[in-house]
Every structure is written in structure tokens, then in C-alpha cells.
Amino acid sequence: MKKIIAFFCTSILASLAIGCDMSTEARAGKAQMRASQATANKVVAGIEYIRDPRTGFCFAYYWGGAANGGPALAAVPCESIPPGMLTTAE
């Protein structure tokens, strides 16, 4: 009977020790996910949508700042941009 109790106590202690390590990793993973989400929110909020009247093409423009590699420009389908978010160049 003492061996069974000792086995269960050892199993419980081992589970608690392993569980603590996993929760630390889980916390680190959640912190990284929050940081990535904050970056994504900041980038999306900083995108400007521009239409070139000469060609009819639309672009997504983002200025990330010199520390983040500078500006970025990508062609995007004009019909996918809500009218209130699209600026047409003069």
C-alpha cells in the first residue's frame, strides 16, 4: 500500500513540475502572439490606398519608417478597396 501511495505522490509531483514548464512556454507564446498582433494592427492602420488616374491602377502604400526598411508599395485590386479608404492622385 505504501508503494502505491508513493507512486501516486511521485506522479503528482512530476506532473506539477512538468506543468509549470509548459505554462511558462505557453505564456511566452502568448506574449509573442500579442506582440505580433500589435505589429499587424499598426501596419494595417498605416496603409494608404492610392489610385493612379493615368493608369487606373490602385496601390497600397506603407511607410514603415527608416528603421523598418522604409516605404513599401504593392498593387492591389481597386474593387477590393472601400471607397472611403481610396485616394485618387491628381
Protein backbone atom coordinates (compact mmCIF):
# COMPACT_ATOMS: atom_id res chain seq x y z
CA MET A 1 0.00 0.00 0.00
CA LYS A 2 2.85 2.40 0.82
CA LYS A 3 4.36 1.74 -2.62
CA ILE A 4 1.10 2.68 -4.32
CA ILE A 5 0.82 5.92 -2.31
CA ALA A 6 4.48 6.73 -3.02
CA PHE A 7 3.89 6.10 -6.73
CA PHE A 8 0.87 8.41 -6.84
CA CYS A 9 2.67 11.16 -4.88
CA THR A 10 5.66 10.93 -7.21
CA SER A 11 3.37 11.03 -10.25
CA ILE A 12 1.56 14.10 -8.95
CA LEU A 13 4.82 15.93 -8.18
CA ALA A 14 6.21 15.07 -11.61
CA SER A 15 3.03 16.32 -13.28
CA LEU A 16 3.21 19.59 -11.37
CA ALA A 17 6.87 20.10 -12.28
CA ILE A 18 6.25 19.44 -15.97
CA GLY A 19 3.09 21.55 -15.93
CA CYS A 20 4.99 24.59 -14.67
CA ASP A 21 7.48 24.39 -17.52
CA MET A 22 4.70 24.12 -20.08
CA SER A 23 2.82 27.09 -18.66
CA THR A 24 5.98 29.21 -18.90
CA GLU A 25 6.31 28.26 -22.55
CA ALA A 26 2.63 28.94 -23.10
CA ARG A 27 2.97 32.40 -21.54
CA ALA A 28 5.95 33.17 -23.77
CA GLY A 29 3.99 32.03 -26.82
CA LYS A 30 1.01 34.19 -25.88
CA ALA A 31 3.27 37.21 -25.34
CA GLN A 32 4.78 36.73 -28.79
CA MET A 33 1.32 36.40 -30.32
CA ARG A 34 0.23 39.66 -28.66
CA ALA A 35 3.35 41.42 -29.98
CA SER A 36 2.73 40.09 -33.49
CA GLN A 37 -0.91 41.18 -33.32
CA ALA A 38 0.12 44.68 -32.21
CA THR A 39 2.55 44.92 -35.14
CA ALA A 40 -0.11 43.74 -37.60
CA ASN A 41 -2.61 46.28 -36.24
CA LYS A 42 -0.05 49.09 -36.54
CA VAL A 43 0.87 48.18 -40.12
CA VAL A 44 -2.72 47.84 -41.31
CA ALA A 45 -3.65 51.16 -39.71
CA GLY A 46 -0.75 52.84 -41.55
CA ILE A 47 -1.61 51.61 -45.06
CA GLU A 48 -2.81 54.23 -47.53
CA TYR A 49 -4.69 53.20 -50.67
CA ILE A 50 -3.94 55.31 -53.76
CA ARG A 51 -5.35 55.23 -57.29
CA ASP A 52 -3.24 56.40 -60.23
CA PRO A 53 -5.65 58.18 -62.61
CA ARG A 54 -3.25 57.82 -65.55
CA THR A 55 -3.28 54.01 -65.43
CA GLY A 56 -6.32 53.23 -63.27
CA PHE A 57 -4.15 51.05 -61.04
CA CYS A 58 -4.51 51.05 -57.27
CA PHE A 59 -1.72 50.70 -54.77
CA ALA A 60 -1.34 50.04 -51.07
CA TYR A 61 1.39 52.31 -49.70
CA TYR A 62 3.01 51.92 -46.30
CA TRP A 63 5.76 54.00 -44.80
CA GLY A 64 7.26 51.86 -42.05
CA GLY A 65 9.95 54.38 -41.20
CA ALA A 66 13.65 54.11 -41.95
CA ALA A 67 14.22 51.78 -39.01
CA ASN A 68 11.77 49.28 -40.52
CA GLY A 69 13.19 49.27 -44.04
CA GLY A 70 11.48 52.34 -45.44
CA PRO A 71 8.45 52.51 -47.72
CA ALA A 72 6.52 49.63 -49.26
CA LEU A 73 4.24 49.70 -52.30
CA ALA A 74 2.01 46.94 -53.64
CA ALA A 75 -0.54 46.81 -56.44
CA VAL A 76 -4.00 45.84 -55.18
CA PRO A 77 -7.34 45.32 -56.95
CA CYS A 78 -9.20 48.63 -56.92
CA GLU A 79 -12.56 46.92 -56.38
CA SER A 80 -11.35 45.45 -53.11
CA ILE A 81 -10.75 48.87 -51.55
CA PRO A 82 -13.70 50.55 -49.79
CA PRO A 83 -14.40 53.95 -51.45
CA GLY A 84 -13.81 55.88 -48.24
CA MET A 85 -10.29 54.50 -47.98
CA LEU A 86 -9.18 55.21 -51.58
CA THR A 87 -7.43 58.44 -52.53
CA THR A 88 -7.07 59.30 -56.21
CA ALA A 89 -3.93 61.21 -57.14
CA GLU A 90 -4.38 64.44 -59.09
